[in-house]
C-alpha atoms as a PDB file:
ATOM      1  CA  MET A   1      -5.554   5.186  -8.465  1.00  0.00           C
ATOM      2  CA  LYS A   2      -5.174   1.504  -9.244  1.00  0.00           C
ATOM      3  CA  PRO A   3      -7.582  -0.837  -7.431  1.00  0.00           C
ATOM      4  CA  VAL A   4      -6.628  -3.104  -4.558  1.00  0.00           C
ATOM      5  CA  LEU A   5      -8.243  -6.525  -5.018  1.00  0.00           C
ATOM      6  CA  PHE A   6      -9.293  -9.060  -2.385  1.00  0.00           C
ATOM      7  CA  ILE A   7     -10.376 -12.651  -3.029  1.00  0.00           C
ATOM      8  CA  SER A   8     -10.732 -15.800  -0.927  1.00  0.00           C
ATOM      9  CA  ASP A   9     -12.185 -19.282  -0.839  1.00  0.00           C
ATOM     10  CA  LEU A  10     -11.282 -20.356  -4.347  1.00  0.00           C
ATOM     11  CA  HIS A  11     -10.780 -23.926  -3.113  1.00  0.00           C
ATOM     12  CA  LEU A  12      -8.776 -24.683  -6.251  1.00  0.00           C
ATOM     13  CA  ASP A  13      -8.995 -28.372  -7.037  1.00  0.00           C
ATOM     14  CA  PRO A  14      -8.198 -30.512 -10.112  1.00  0.00           C
ATOM     15  CA  ALA A  15     -11.801 -31.724  -9.894  1.00  0.00           C
ATOM     16  CA  ARG A  16     -13.012 -28.207 -10.795  1.00  0.00           C
ATOM     17  CA  PRO A  17     -10.841 -27.128 -13.747  1.00  0.00           C
ATOM     18  CA  ALA A  18     -13.265 -24.398 -14.856  1.00  0.00           C
ATOM     19  CA  ILE A  19     -12.626 -22.428 -11.665  1.00  0.00           C
ATOM     20  CA  THR A  20      -8.863 -22.805 -12.025  1.00  0.00           C
ATOM     21  CA  LYS A  21      -9.174 -21.521 -15.597  1.00  0.00           C
ATOM     22  CA  LEU A  22     -11.317 -18.600 -14.425  1.00  0.00           C
ATOM     23  CA  PHE A  23      -8.756 -17.666 -11.776  1.00  0.00           C
ATOM     24  CA  LEU A  24      -5.791 -17.868 -14.152  1.00  0.00           C
ATOM     25  CA  GLU A  25      -7.637 -15.642 -16.644  1.00  0.00           C
ATOM     26  CA  PHE A  26      -8.390 -13.187 -13.828  1.00  0.00           C
ATOM     27  CA  LEU A  27      -4.708 -13.280 -12.859  1.00  0.00           C
ATOM     28  CA  GLN A  28      -3.574 -12.609 -16.428  1.00  0.00           C
ATOM     29  CA  THR A  29      -6.009  -9.759 -17.101  1.00  0.00           C
ATOM     30  CA  ARG A  30      -7.740  -7.742 -14.409  1.00  0.00           C
ATOM     31  CA  ALA A  31      -5.282  -8.502 -11.619  1.00  0.00           C
ATOM     32  CA  THR A  32      -2.347  -7.174 -13.662  1.00  0.00           C
ATOM     33  CA  GLN A  33      -3.856  -3.683 -13.383  1.00  0.00           C
ATOM     34  CA  ALA A  34      -4.125  -3.813  -9.584  1.00  0.00           C
ATOM     35  CA  GLU A  35      -2.125  -2.001  -6.944  1.00  0.00           C
ATOM     36  CA  ALA A  36      -2.042  -5.254  -4.959  1.00  0.00           C
ATOM     37  CA  LEU A  37      -3.820  -8.617  -4.798  1.00  0.00           C
ATOM     38  CA  TYR A  38      -4.794 -10.196  -1.484  1.00  0.00           C
ATOM     39  CA  ILE A  39      -5.894 -13.847  -1.215  1.00  0.00           C
ATOM     40  CA  LEU A  40      -7.455 -14.330   2.216  1.00  0.00           C
ATOM     41  CA  GLY A  41      -7.371 -18.072   2.741  1.00  0.00           C
ATOM     42  CA  ASP A  42      -8.638 -21.330   1.276  1.00  0.00           C
ATOM     43  CA  PHE A  43      -6.915 -20.600  -2.012  1.00  0.00           C
ATOM     44  CA  PHE A  44      -6.582 -24.363  -2.404  1.00  0.00           C
ATOM     45  CA  GLU A  45      -9.090 -27.054  -1.486  1.00  0.00           C
ATOM     46  CA  ALA A  46      -6.261 -28.848   0.273  1.00  0.00           C
ATOM     47  CA  TRP A  47      -2.552 -28.198   0.791  1.00  0.00           C
ATOM     48  CA  ILE A  48      -0.651 -31.057   2.373  1.00  0.00           C
ATOM     49  CA  GLY A  49       2.764 -29.411   2.270  1.00  0.00           C
ATOM     50  CA  ASP A  50       4.939 -27.377  -0.086  1.00  0.00           C
ATOM     51  CA  ASP A  51       6.909 -30.502  -0.988  1.00  0.00           C
ATOM     52  CA  ALA A  52       3.807 -32.160  -2.458  1.00  0.00           C
ATOM     53  CA  VAL A  53       3.288 -29.611  -5.254  1.00  0.00           C
ATOM     54  CA  PRO A  54       5.997 -28.986  -7.882  1.00  0.00           C
ATOM     55  CA  PRO A  55       6.834 -25.399  -8.941  1.00  0.00           C
ATOM     56  CA  GLU A  56       5.615 -26.167 -12.477  1.00  0.00           C
ATOM     57  CA  HIS A  57       2.072 -26.742 -11.206  1.00  0.00           C
ATOM     58  CA  PRO A  58      -0.128 -24.471 -13.424  1.00  0.00           C
ATOM     59  CA  VAL A  59      -1.353 -22.319 -10.540  1.00  0.00           C
ATOM     60  CA  LEU A  60       2.087 -21.891  -8.972  1.00  0.00           C
ATOM     61  CA  ALA A  61       3.606 -21.161 -12.371  1.00  0.00           C
ATOM     62  CA  GLY A  62       0.818 -18.663 -13.055  1.00  0.00           C
ATOM     63  CA  LEU A  63       1.425 -16.882  -9.766  1.00  0.00           C
ATOM     64  CA  ALA A  64       5.172 -16.750 -10.391  1.00  0.00           C
ATOM     65  CA  LEU A  65       4.608 -15.262 -13.850  1.00  0.00           C
ATOM     66  CA  PHE A  66       2.154 -12.748 -12.380  1.00  0.00           C
ATOM     67  CA  THR A  67       4.470 -11.461  -9.667  1.00  0.00           C
ATOM     68  CA  ARG A  68       7.495 -11.430 -11.956  1.00  0.00           C
ATOM     69  CA  GLN A  69       6.006  -9.837 -15.082  1.00  0.00           C
ATOM     70  CA  ALA A  70       3.112  -7.745 -13.778  1.00  0.00           C
ATOM     71  CA  GLY A  71       5.044  -6.668 -10.706  1.00  0.00           C
ATOM     72  CA  VAL A  72       1.870  -6.593  -8.610  1.00  0.00           C
ATOM     73  CA  PRO A  73       2.409  -7.362  -4.909  1.00  0.00           C
ATOM     74  CA  LEU A  74       0.712 -10.653  -4.002  1.00  0.00           C
ATOM     75  CA  TYR A  75      -0.291 -11.338  -0.411  1.00  0.00           C
ATOM     76  CA  VAL A  76      -1.592 -14.730   0.690  1.00  0.00           C
ATOM     77  CA  MET A  77      -3.198 -15.582   4.022  1.00  0.00           C
ATOM     78  CA  ARG A  78      -3.591 -19.191   5.056  1.00  0.00           C
ATOM     79  CA  GLY A  79      -7.094 -20.589   5.516  1.00  0.00           C
ATOM     80  CA  ASN A  80      -8.520 -23.677   7.161  1.00  0.00           C
ATOM     81  CA  ARG A  81      -7.896 -25.746   4.003  1.00  0.00           C
ATOM     82  CA  ASP A  82      -4.393 -24.528   3.198  1.00  0.00           C
ATOM     83  CA  PHE A  83      -2.916 -23.733   6.603  1.00  0.00           C
ATOM     84  CA  LEU A  84       0.282 -25.572   5.614  1.00  0.00           C
ATOM     85  CA  LEU A  85       1.278 -23.068   2.933  1.00  0.00           C
ATOM     86  CA  GLY A  86       4.900 -22.352   3.712  1.00  0.00           C
ATOM     87  CA  ASP A  87       8.104 -20.608   2.787  1.00  0.00           C
ATOM     88  CA  GLN A  88       8.737 -22.759  -0.286  1.00  0.00           C
ATOM     89  CA  PHE A  89       5.320 -21.832  -1.696  1.00  0.00           C
ATOM     90  CA  ALA A  90       6.173 -18.178  -1.131  1.00  0.00           C
ATOM     91  CA  ALA A  91       9.589 -18.573  -2.777  1.00  0.00           C
ATOM     92  CA  ASN A  92       8.137 -20.413  -5.786  1.00  0.00           C
ATOM     93  CA  THR A  93       5.387 -17.848  -6.410  1.00  0.00           C
ATOM     94  CA  GLY A  94       6.748 -14.527  -5.206  1.00  0.00           C
ATOM     95  CA  ALA A  95       3.907 -14.245  -2.698  1.00  0.00           C
ATOM     96  CA  VAL A  96       4.164 -12.722   0.757  1.00  0.00           C
ATOM     97  CA  LEU A  97       2.508 -14.891   3.413  1.00  0.00           C
ATOM     98  CA  LEU A  98       0.389 -12.883   5.834  1.00  0.00           C
ATOM     99  CA  PRO A  99      -0.389 -13.793   9.432  1.00  0.00           C
ATOM    100  CA  ASP A 100      -4.056 -14.075  10.378  1.00  0.00           C
ATOM    101  CA  PRO A 101      -5.119 -11.454  11.335  1.00  0.00           C
ATOM    102  CA  THR A 102      -3.256  -8.664   9.531  1.00  0.00           C
ATOM    103  CA  THR A 103      -3.947  -4.933   9.626  1.00  0.00           C
ATOM    104  CA  ILE A 104      -3.255  -2.763   6.583  1.00  0.00           C
ATOM    105  CA  GLU A 105      -3.925   0.885   5.780  1.00  0.00           C
ATOM    106  CA  LEU A 106      -5.893   2.031   2.745  1.00  0.00           C
ATOM    107  CA  GLY A 107      -6.773   5.640   2.102  1.00  0.00           C
ATOM    108  CA  GLY A 108      -5.839   6.569   5.640  1.00  0.00           C
ATOM    109  CA  GLU A 109      -8.116   3.896   7.134  1.00  0.00           C
ATOM    110  CA  ARG A 110      -6.921   0.892   9.109  1.00  0.00           C
ATOM    111  CA  VAL A 111      -8.444  -2.308   7.710  1.00  0.00           C
ATOM    112  CA  LEU A 112      -8.336  -5.694   9.428  1.00  0.00           C
ATOM    113  CA  LEU A 113      -7.894  -8.736   7.177  1.00  0.00           C
ATOM    114  CA  MET A 114      -8.756 -12.258   8.352  1.00  0.00           C
ATOM    115  CA  HIS A 115      -9.648 -15.595   6.863  1.00  0.00           C
ATOM    116  CA  GLY A 116     -12.625 -15.661   9.197  1.00  0.00           C
ATOM    117  CA  ASP A 117     -12.709 -19.157  10.664  1.00  0.00           C
ATOM    118  CA  SER A 118     -11.427 -17.953  14.038  1.00  0.00           C
ATOM    119  CA  LEU A 119     -14.575 -15.812  14.329  1.00  0.00           C
ATOM    120  CA  CYS A 120     -16.894 -18.844  14.183  1.00  0.00           C
ATOM    121  CA  THR A 121     -16.652 -19.317  17.937  1.00  0.00           C
ATOM    122  CA  ASP A 122     -20.060 -21.006  18.291  1.00  0.00           C
ATOM    123  CA  ASP A 123     -18.590 -24.054  16.544  1.00  0.00           C
ATOM    124  CA  HIS A 124     -16.661 -25.410  19.514  1.00  0.00           C
ATOM    125  CA  ASP A 125     -15.675 -28.680  17.830  1.00  0.00           C
ATOM    126  CA  TYR A 126     -14.169 -26.832  14.887  1.00  0.00           C
ATOM    127  CA  GLN A 127     -12.257 -24.431  17.134  1.00  0.00           C
ATOM    128  CA  GLN A 128     -10.685 -27.422  18.908  1.00  0.00           C
ATOM    129  CA  PHE A 129      -9.704 -28.887  15.536  1.00  0.00           C
ATOM    130  CA  ARG A 130      -8.305 -25.513  14.447  1.00  0.00           C
ATOM    131  CA  ALA A 131      -6.164 -25.246  17.560  1.00  0.00           C
ATOM    132  CA  MET A 132      -4.808 -28.746  16.941  1.00  0.00           C
ATOM    133  CA  VAL A 133      -3.816 -28.290  13.288  1.00  0.00           C
ATOM    134  CA  HIS A 134      -2.246 -24.889  13.954  1.00  0.00           C
ATOM    135  CA  ASP A 135      -0.027 -26.372  16.648  1.00  0.00           C
ATOM    136  CA  PRO A 136       3.590 -26.451  15.351  1.00  0.00           C
ATOM    137  CA  GLY A 137       4.142 -29.896  16.850  1.00  0.00           C
ATOM    138  CA  TRP A 138       1.126 -31.364  15.059  1.00  0.00           C
ATOM    139  CA  GLN A 139       2.206 -29.783  11.775  1.00  0.00           C
ATOM    140  CA  GLN A 140       5.730 -31.154  12.146  1.00  0.00           C
ATOM    141  CA  GLN A 141       4.390 -34.670  12.725  1.00  0.00           C
ATOM    142  CA  PHE A 142       1.998 -34.422   9.774  1.00  0.00           C
ATOM    143  CA  LEU A 143       4.694 -33.195   7.393  1.00  0.00           C
ATOM    144  CA  ALA A 144       7.028 -35.989   8.537  1.00  0.00           C
ATOM    145  CA  VAL A 145       4.886 -38.748   7.008  1.00  0.00           C
ATOM    146  CA  THR A 146       4.872 -39.593   3.301  1.00  0.00           C
ATOM    147  CA  ILE A 147       2.962 -37.569   0.730  1.00  0.00           C
ATOM    148  CA  GLU A 148       0.757 -40.601   0.053  1.00  0.00           C
ATOM    149  CA  GLN A 149      -0.163 -40.858   3.728  1.00  0.00           C
ATOM    150  CA  ARG A 150      -0.883 -37.138   3.891  1.00  0.00           C
ATOM    151  CA  LEU A 151      -3.144 -37.405   0.845  1.00  0.00           C
ATOM    152  CA  GLN A 152      -5.173 -40.133   2.520  1.00  0.00           C
ATOM    153  CA  MET A 153      -5.417 -38.195   5.769  1.00  0.00           C
ATOM    154  CA  ALA A 154      -6.508 -35.041   3.942  1.00  0.00           C
ATOM    155  CA  LYS A 155      -9.101 -36.973   1.939  1.00  0.00           C
ATOM    156  CA  GLN A 156     -10.576 -38.447   5.095  1.00  0.00           C
ATOM    157  CA  ALA A 157     -10.628 -35.039   6.802  1.00  0.00           C
ATOM    158  CA  ARG A 158     -12.462 -33.470   3.844  1.00  0.00           C
ATOM    159  CA  GLN A 159     -15.048 -36.251   3.804  1.00  0.00           C
ATOM    160  CA  GLU A 160     -15.689 -35.835   7.515  1.00  0.00           C
ATOM    161  CA  SER A 161     -15.893 -32.054   7.143  1.00  0.00           C
ATOM    162  CA  THR A 162     -18.373 -32.298   4.262  1.00  0.00           C
ATOM    163  CA  ALA A 163     -20.623 -34.657   6.208  1.00  0.00           C
ATOM    164  CA  ARG A 164     -20.430 -32.512   9.331  1.00  0.00           C
ATOM    165  CA  ASN A 165     -21.188 -29.277   7.472  1.00  0.00           C
ATOM    166  CA  ALA A 166     -24.185 -30.873   5.771  1.00  0.00           C
ATOM    167  CA  HIS A 167     -25.508 -31.926   9.170  1.00  0.00           C
ATOM    168  CA  LEU A 168     -24.972 -28.476  10.668  1.00  0.00           C
ATOM    169  CA  ALA A 169     -26.619 -26.791   7.677  1.00  0.00           C
ATOM    170  CA  SER A 170     -29.798 -28.752   8.357  1.00  0.00           C
ATOM    171  CA  THR A 171     -29.787 -28.438  12.144  1.00  0.00           C
ATOM    172  CA  SER A 172     -27.702 -25.529  13.454  1.00  0.00           C
ATOM    173  CA  GLU A 173     -26.668 -23.358  10.517  1.00  0.00           C
ATOM    174  CA  TYR A 174     -25.884 -20.354  12.732  1.00  0.00           C
ATOM    175  CA  ILE A 175     -22.924 -22.281  14.167  1.00  0.00           C
ATOM    176  CA  MET A 176     -21.206 -22.094  10.777  1.00  0.00           C
ATOM    177  CA  ASP A 177     -21.335 -18.286  10.678  1.00  0.00           C
ATOM    178  CA  VAL A 178     -19.262 -15.784  12.612  1.00  0.00           C
ATOM    179  CA  ASN A 179     -20.162 -14.858  16.161  1.00  0.00           C
ATOM    180  CA  GLN A 180     -21.148 -11.195  16.370  1.00  0.00           C
ATOM    181  CA  GLN A 181     -19.502 -10.682  19.745  1.00  0.00           C
ATOM    182  CA  ALA A 182     -16.276 -12.237  18.455  1.00  0.00           C
ATOM    183  CA  VAL A 183     -16.369  -9.841  15.496  1.00  0.00           C
ATOM    184  CA  GLU A 184     -16.838  -6.779  17.681  1.00  0.00           C
ATOM    185  CA  THR A 185     -14.223  -7.884  20.212  1.00  0.00           C
ATOM    186  CA  THR A 186     -11.650  -8.560  17.490  1.00  0.00           C
ATOM    187  CA  MET A 187     -12.264  -5.238  15.737  1.00  0.00           C
ATOM    188  CA  ARG A 188     -12.069  -3.401  19.054  1.00  0.00           C
ATOM    189  CA  GLU A 189      -8.798  -5.124  19.989  1.00  0.00           C
ATOM    190  CA  HIS A 190      -7.211  -4.111  16.688  1.00  0.00           C
ATOM    191  CA  GLY A 191      -8.599  -0.582  16.741  1.00  0.00           C
ATOM    192  CA  VAL A 192     -10.352  -0.859  13.378  1.00  0.00           C
ATOM    193  CA  ARG A 193     -13.773   0.001  12.019  1.00  0.00           C
ATOM    194  CA  ARG A 194     -13.486  -2.098   8.871  1.00  0.00           C
ATOM    195  CA  LEU A 195     -13.021  -5.871   8.665  1.00  0.00           C
ATOM    196  CA  VAL A 196     -12.618  -7.932   5.486  1.00  0.00           C
ATOM    197  CA  HIS A 197     -12.802 -11.722   5.718  1.00  0.00           C
ATOM    198  CA  GLY A 198     -13.864 -14.879   3.905  1.00  0.00           C
ATOM    199  CA  HIS A 199     -14.487 -18.452   5.069  1.00  0.00           C
ATOM    200  CA  THR A 200     -18.288 -18.407   5.443  1.00  0.00           C
ATOM    201  CA  HIS A 201     -19.048 -18.184   1.698  1.00  0.00           C
ATOM    202  CA  ARG A 202     -21.751 -15.593   2.495  1.00  0.00           C
ATOM    203  CA  PRO A 203     -20.734 -12.480   0.533  1.00  0.00           C
ATOM    204  CA  ASN A 204     -22.245  -9.351   2.004  1.00  0.00           C
ATOM    205  CA  VAL A 205     -21.542  -5.952   3.500  1.00  0.00           C
ATOM    206  CA  HIS A 206     -22.649  -5.681   7.132  1.00  0.00           C
ATOM    207  CA  ALA A 207     -23.030  -2.391   8.998  1.00  0.00           C
ATOM    208  CA  LEU A 208     -22.494  -2.464  12.753  1.00  0.00           C
ATOM    209  CA  THR A 209     -21.774  -0.133  15.652  1.00  0.00           C
ATOM    210  CA  ILE A 210     -18.749  -0.476  17.924  1.00  0.00           C
ATOM    211  CA  ASP A 211     -18.453   1.795  20.950  1.00  0.00           C
ATOM    212  CA  GLY A 212     -20.886   4.223  19.343  1.00  0.00           C
ATOM    213  CA  GLU A 213     -18.997   4.388  16.050  1.00  0.00           C
ATOM    214  CA  SER A 214     -20.127   3.078  12.675  1.00  0.00           C
ATOM    215  CA  ALA A 215     -18.214   0.038  11.458  1.00  0.00           C
ATOM    216  CA  THR A 216     -18.311  -2.279   8.458  1.00  0.00           C
ATOM    217  CA  ARG A 217     -17.704  -6.001   7.984  1.00  0.00           C
ATOM    218  CA  ILE A 218     -17.243  -7.154   4.386  1.00  0.00           C
ATOM    219  CA  VAL A 219     -17.531 -10.876   3.660  1.00  0.00           C
ATOM    220  CA  LEU A 220     -15.875 -12.197   0.511  1.00  0.00           C
ATOM    221  CA  GLY A 221     -17.610 -14.732  -1.718  1.00  0.00           C
ATOM    222  CA  ASP A 222     -16.412 -18.162  -2.795  1.00  0.00           C
ATOM    223  CA  TRP A 223     -15.371 -19.359  -6.241  1.00  0.00           C
ATOM    224  CA  TYR A 224     -17.706 -22.272  -6.879  1.00  0.00           C
ATOM    225  CA  ASP A 225     -20.331 -21.288  -9.446  1.00  0.00           C
ATOM    226  CA  GLN A 226     -18.688 -17.929 -10.140  1.00  0.00           C
ATOM    227  CA  GLY A 227     -15.746 -15.797  -9.149  1.00  0.00           C
ATOM    228  CA  SER A 228     -15.955 -13.156  -6.426  1.00  0.00           C
ATOM    229  CA  VAL A 229     -13.738 -10.121  -5.885  1.00  0.00           C
ATOM    230  CA  LEU A 230     -13.752  -7.118  -3.574  1.00  0.00           C
ATOM    231  CA  GLU A 231     -12.326  -3.991  -5.154  1.00  0.00           C
ATOM    232  CA  TYR A 232     -11.066  -0.956  -3.252  1.00  0.00           C
ATOM    233  CA  ARG A 233     -10.470   2.195  -5.270  1.00  0.00           C
ATOM    234  CA  ASP A 234     -10.343   5.838  -4.166  1.00  0.00           C
ATOM    235  CA  GLY A 235     -12.119   5.239  -0.873  1.00  0.00           C
ATOM    236  CA  GLU A 236     -14.875   3.083  -2.367  1.00  0.00           C
ATOM    237  CA  TRP A 237     -15.448  -0.626  -1.705  1.00  0.00           C
ATOM    238  CA  ASP A 238     -17.241  -2.750  -4.302  1.00  0.00           C
ATOM    239  CA  LEU A 239     -18.063  -6.460  -3.884  1.00  0.00           C
ATOM    240  CA  GLN A 240     -18.366  -7.986  -7.352  1.00  0.00           C
ATOM    241  CA  THR A 241     -19.172 -11.291  -9.035  1.00  0.00           C
ATOM    242  CA  ILE A 242     -17.230 -12.704 -11.985  1.00  0.00           C
ATOM    243  CA  PRO A 243     -19.600 -14.861 -14.070  1.00  0.00           C
ATOM    244  CA  LEU A 244     -18.294 -18.298 -14.900  1.00  0.00           C
ATOM    245  CA  GLU A 245     -20.348 -18.757 -18.063  1.00  0.00           C
ATOM    246  CA  LYS A 246     -18.478 -15.980 -19.857  1.00  0.00           C
ATOM    247  CA  HIS A 247     -15.177 -17.791 -19.539  1.00  0.00           C
END
């Protein structure tokens, strides 16, 4: 059986060309042999609207070539950095945009896919921000201003987020992780015993118990100093690192 691959939190950015190169090489090699590729949010460091990125952008062109030539289904879930990915992005790349959360079936098992930010319920300020930017009215207003204005607004938001996260990391780091009760409630609501998500940049496999049954939460890694991929093949799950220095 071909593997099913899951990645997230690449935060692709012109300021980090080595990671973009690593991803495009992954797309052109290993990913071509997959049954499907899932990108579970924060694919881009920022996405201010489909109209701001031309189809010939190297990443978009690479995705289009991948879906067209390799014929591998590509599924993309929006994250907290690229929640404005839209229909034009999907049309330009051949990707299928997934709602968050989404349930799929692999090997007879129901698996819940999420970006993961909605599980960080201890961070009340962030959850308020998340509700605001996911509001269709807010998004319509944001997309109505010029690309230059959106760039400035996104830059300011990233600066504020970086400063806030640094403060939380030194004072209340637990706030930045998922809430265990939120995890269990969400898995129970969707009738699953396996959850795959990103967002926290804390790759790991967590065992838990829900209503007396064994369950598993798999956290995907980020693409900062390396690549990170979760592979499913023949009932086995393997969380792997892709070294940057070899590319």
